[in-house]
Amino acid sequence: MAVFLFALAAGFLFYAQQITVTAAALSEGRRRGPGRLLAIFAGAIAGDALWMVAALLLLYVTAGLTPLRVIFTLVGAFFFLRLALGALLDARQGAAPRLDLSEGRRGFRSGARAGFTNPYSLGFWVGVSAAALLFAAPPVDPPDYALTFVGLALGAALWGLLMVWLLKLEPPAITRAFRILNFLCGIGAALLGAFALGTALIQFNSESLVFWNCLNCSLTA
């Protein structure tokens, strides 16, 4: 369950900082209703799902390579801390997505394009998935990878559903809501990043200790 909850939080936090997709969805939702908003988010999640699957397959194939696992976890920590910094800066500045983007044909297809062409999606999903799988009892089994995928996708979907609720608010109230959301997401991302970073450093120290012990044994043999 811890794997699922960590992945759920990661998916939610990732989409909390996808300002372009959120702005497009809110703008379309205000013009054409919540159905269009959900279509954009569904497309974005579908596009990101391809990167999620690729990330989890990479982790599965390299599961026996502990140094790589440490590196991937460090990558996850970096992305979480980057998300935290961005969210806290947005909270301080009162930043919120635009609600008046120019009209265009935005829907599932445009959302999928935005999700699939995100330049750092694969790195993010590899890092956060590696961090989430730290909660799985070794050996990590295929159901753990599947649970991670479901958590990431559901976390992203929860952000989309939250945006449907925000459609009911007036623009000033939406701006205030984003200030609160950004602050909470910043704190959450910082905590997850600190956990991932600390765990990666512990793993690195353990691997270093094993390496030096083996080297000493070889030299004394």
Protein backbone atom coordinates (compact mmCIF):
# COMPACT_ATOMS: atom_id res chain seq x y z
CA MET A 1 0.00 0.00 0.00
CA ALA A 2 2.90 2.38 0.69
CA VAL A 3 4.09 1.91 -2.92
CA PHE A 4 0.66 2.90 -4.20
CA LEU A 5 0.31 5.94 -1.92
CA PHE A 6 3.78 7.24 -2.81
CA ALA A 7 3.06 6.83 -6.53
CA LEU A 8 -0.36 8.46 -6.09
CA ALA A 9 1.25 11.52 -4.48
CA ALA A 10 3.93 11.64 -7.19
CA GLY A 11 1.39 11.61 -10.01
CA PHE A 12 -0.65 14.36 -8.35
CA LEU A 13 2.41 16.53 -7.68
CA PHE A 14 3.68 16.14 -11.24
CA TYR A 15 0.42 17.40 -12.71
CA ALA A 16 0.20 20.18 -10.16
CA GLN A 17 3.19 21.72 -11.96
CA GLN A 18 1.97 21.07 -15.52
CA ILE A 19 0.88 24.68 -15.93
CA THR A 20 0.42 24.56 -19.72
CA VAL A 21 -1.92 21.57 -19.65
CA THR A 22 -3.82 22.92 -16.64
CA ALA A 23 -4.24 26.35 -18.24
CA ALA A 24 -5.49 24.83 -21.50
CA ALA A 25 -7.90 22.54 -19.64
CA LEU A 26 -9.29 25.30 -17.41
CA SER A 27 -9.69 27.69 -20.35
CA GLU A 28 -11.54 25.09 -22.40
CA GLY A 29 -13.56 23.98 -19.39
CA ARG A 30 -14.77 27.52 -18.73
CA ARG A 31 -15.83 27.90 -22.38
CA ARG A 32 -17.22 24.46 -23.16
CA GLY A 33 -17.83 22.71 -19.85
CA PRO A 34 -16.08 20.15 -17.64
CA GLY A 35 -16.27 17.43 -20.29
CA ARG A 36 -13.72 19.23 -22.45
CA LEU A 37 -11.48 19.81 -19.44
CA LEU A 38 -11.53 16.10 -18.60
CA ALA A 39 -10.83 15.20 -22.24
CA ILE A 40 -7.64 17.28 -22.21
CA PHE A 41 -6.43 15.73 -18.97
CA ALA A 42 -7.35 12.23 -20.16
CA GLY A 43 -5.27 12.78 -23.29
CA ALA A 44 -2.33 14.14 -21.30
CA ILE A 45 -2.42 11.16 -18.94
CA ALA A 46 -2.64 8.76 -21.88
CA GLY A 47 0.43 10.38 -23.41
CA ASP A 48 2.28 10.26 -20.10
CA ALA A 49 1.22 6.63 -19.58
CA LEU A 50 3.53 5.60 -22.42
CA TRP A 51 6.45 7.19 -20.58
CA MET A 52 5.33 5.59 -17.30
CA VAL A 53 5.32 2.15 -18.90
CA ALA A 54 8.74 2.77 -20.49
CA ALA A 55 10.13 3.91 -17.13
CA LEU A 56 8.79 0.89 -15.28
CA LEU A 57 10.09 -1.49 -17.95
CA LEU A 58 13.53 0.11 -17.62
CA LEU A 59 13.43 -0.35 -13.85
CA TYR A 60 12.29 -3.97 -14.24
CA VAL A 61 15.08 -4.82 -16.69
CA THR A 62 17.74 -3.18 -14.50
CA ALA A 63 16.33 -4.39 -11.17
CA GLY A 64 19.49 -6.36 -10.31
CA LEU A 65 21.84 -3.41 -10.83
CA THR A 66 21.98 -1.70 -7.46
CA PRO A 67 24.20 1.24 -8.55
CA LEU A 68 21.67 2.11 -11.25
CA ARG A 69 18.84 1.93 -8.71
CA VAL A 70 20.70 4.42 -6.54
CA ILE A 71 21.19 6.74 -9.51
CA PHE A 72 17.52 6.50 -10.47
CA THR A 73 16.47 7.29 -6.91
CA LEU A 74 18.74 10.35 -6.92
CA VAL A 75 17.06 11.43 -10.14
CA GLY A 76 13.69 11.07 -8.44
CA ALA A 77 14.89 13.16 -5.48
CA PHE A 78 16.12 15.87 -7.87
CA PHE A 79 12.76 16.08 -9.64
CA PHE A 80 10.81 16.16 -6.38
CA LEU A 81 12.98 18.97 -5.02
CA ARG A 82 12.66 20.82 -8.31
CA LEU A 83 8.88 20.50 -8.13
CA ALA A 84 8.97 21.71 -4.52
CA LEU A 85 10.97 24.81 -5.41
CA GLY A 86 8.70 25.66 -8.34
CA ALA A 87 5.52 25.16 -6.32
CA LEU A 88 6.73 27.22 -3.36
CA LEU A 89 7.85 30.06 -5.63
CA ASP A 90 4.44 30.01 -7.35
CA ALA A 91 2.73 30.07 -3.95
CA ARG A 92 4.81 33.05 -2.85
CA GLN A 93 4.09 34.96 -6.07
CA GLY A 94 0.42 33.98 -6.19
CA ALA A 95 0.89 32.46 -9.64
CA ALA A 96 -2.05 30.66 -11.26
CA PRO A 97 -2.72 29.21 -14.73
CA ARG A 98 -4.29 31.56 -17.26
CA LEU A 99 -8.01 31.13 -17.78
CA ASP A 100 -8.26 33.06 -21.05
CA LEU A 101 -6.10 31.16 -23.51
CA SER A 102 -7.11 31.78 -27.12
CA GLU A 103 -9.71 29.47 -28.55
CA GLY A 104 -8.57 26.44 -30.47
CA ARG A 105 -9.38 22.81 -31.05
CA ARG A 106 -8.29 21.43 -27.71
CA GLY A 107 -9.37 18.04 -26.52
CA PHE A 108 -8.06 14.50 -25.98
CA ARG A 109 -5.68 14.67 -28.95
CA SER A 110 -4.07 17.96 -27.91
CA GLY A 111 -3.72 16.69 -24.33
CA ALA A 112 -2.07 13.48 -25.54
CA ARG A 113 0.34 15.49 -27.66
CA ALA A 114 1.28 17.64 -24.66
CA GLY A 115 1.82 14.59 -22.45
CA PHE A 116 3.80 12.60 -24.99
CA THR A 117 6.08 15.47 -26.07
CA ASN A 118 7.00 16.58 -22.55
CA PRO A 119 10.83 16.64 -22.74
CA TYR A 120 11.63 15.31 -19.29
CA SER A 121 8.73 12.90 -18.66
CA LEU A 122 10.81 9.72 -18.96
CA GLY A 123 13.43 10.95 -16.50
CA PHE A 124 10.78 12.04 -14.03
CA TRP A 125 8.80 8.79 -14.16
CA VAL A 126 11.98 6.69 -13.88
CA GLY A 127 13.11 8.63 -10.82
CA VAL A 128 9.81 8.74 -8.96
CA SER A 129 9.02 5.11 -9.80
CA ALA A 130 12.41 4.05 -8.42
CA ALA A 131 11.65 6.01 -5.25
CA ALA A 132 8.16 4.50 -4.96
CA LEU A 133 9.48 0.95 -5.36
CA LEU A 134 11.72 1.47 -2.33
CA PHE A 135 8.60 0.73 -0.30
CA ALA A 136 8.17 -2.71 -1.89
CA ALA A 137 9.45 -5.67 0.07
CA PRO A 138 12.32 -7.35 -1.81
CA PRO A 139 12.30 -8.99 -4.21
CA VAL A 140 10.21 -6.48 -6.17
CA ASP A 141 7.56 -8.41 -8.11
CA PRO A 142 5.62 -7.44 -11.27
CA PRO A 143 2.51 -6.56 -9.17
CA ASP A 144 4.60 -3.87 -7.45
CA TYR A 145 5.38 -2.30 -10.81
CA ALA A 146 1.72 -2.51 -11.80
CA LEU A 147 0.70 -0.89 -8.51
CA THR A 148 3.17 1.91 -9.13
CA PHE A 149 1.69 2.54 -12.57
CA VAL A 150 -1.86 2.62 -11.24
CA GLY A 151 -0.85 5.01 -8.46
CA LEU A 152 0.91 7.41 -10.84
CA ALA A 153 -2.03 7.47 -13.28
CA LEU A 154 -4.64 7.87 -10.53
CA GLY A 155 -2.67 10.67 -8.91
CA ALA A 156 -2.67 12.54 -12.23
CA ALA A 157 -6.40 11.86 -12.64
CA LEU A 158 -7.09 13.28 -9.16
CA TRP A 159 -5.53 16.56 -10.23
CA GLY A 160 -7.86 16.66 -13.23
CA LEU A 161 -10.89 16.00 -11.03
CA LEU A 162 -9.79 18.75 -8.68
CA MET A 163 -9.69 21.14 -11.63
CA VAL A 164 -13.32 20.25 -12.42
CA TRP A 165 -14.24 21.46 -8.94
CA LEU A 166 -12.24 24.66 -9.44
CA LEU A 167 -14.33 25.47 -12.52
CA LYS A 168 -17.18 26.36 -10.15
CA LEU A 169 -15.15 29.19 -8.62
CA GLU A 170 -14.68 32.74 -9.83
CA PRO A 171 -11.20 33.74 -11.11
CA PRO A 172 -10.11 35.51 -7.88
CA ALA A 173 -11.08 32.44 -5.86
CA ILE A 174 -9.21 30.18 -8.31
CA THR A 175 -6.06 32.27 -7.83
CA ARG A 176 -6.37 31.96 -4.04
CA ALA A 177 -6.96 28.22 -4.36
CA PHE A 178 -3.80 27.83 -6.45
CA ARG A 179 -1.77 29.72 -3.87
CA ILE A 180 -2.86 27.20 -1.24
CA LEU A 181 -2.42 24.23 -3.58
CA ASN A 182 1.06 25.33 -4.61
CA PHE A 183 2.11 25.76 -0.99
CA LEU A 184 0.81 22.32 0.02
CA CYS A 185 2.28 20.65 -3.07
CA GLY A 186 5.61 22.36 -2.43
CA ILE A 187 5.77 21.02 1.11
CA GLY A 188 4.70 17.54 -0.04
CA ALA A 189 7.23 17.41 -2.87
CA ALA A 190 10.02 18.60 -0.54
CA LEU A 191 9.23 15.81 1.94
CA LEU A 192 9.16 13.14 -0.78
CA GLY A 193 12.36 14.52 -2.27
CA ALA A 194 14.10 14.49 1.12
CA PHE A 195 13.02 10.88 1.66
CA ALA A 196 14.26 9.79 -1.77
CA LEU A 197 17.55 11.64 -1.33
CA GLY A 198 18.17 10.22 2.14
CA THR A 199 17.36 6.69 1.01
CA ALA A 200 19.63 6.98 -2.02
CA LEU A 201 22.52 8.20 0.14
CA ILE A 202 21.98 5.32 2.59
CA GLN A 203 22.01 2.87 -0.33
CA PHE A 204 25.16 4.49 -1.69
CA ASN A 205 26.93 4.20 1.66
CA SER A 206 25.86 0.56 1.99
CA GLU A 207 27.12 -0.29 -1.49
CA SER A 208 30.40 1.53 -0.81
CA LEU A 209 30.86 -0.43 2.41
CA VAL A 210 30.26 -3.72 0.60
CA PHE A 211 32.70 -2.72 -2.13
CA TRP A 212 35.49 -1.84 0.31
CA ASN A 213 34.90 -5.00 2.34
CA CYS A 214 35.19 -7.11 -0.80
CA LEU A 215 38.31 -5.22 -1.84
CA ASN A 216 39.91 -5.75 1.57
CA CYS A 217 39.06 -9.45 1.45
CA SER A 218 40.67 -9.71 -2.00
CA LEU A 219 43.82 -7.94 -0.87
CA THR A 220 44.20 -10.03 2.28
CA ALA A 221 43.46 -13.36 0.59
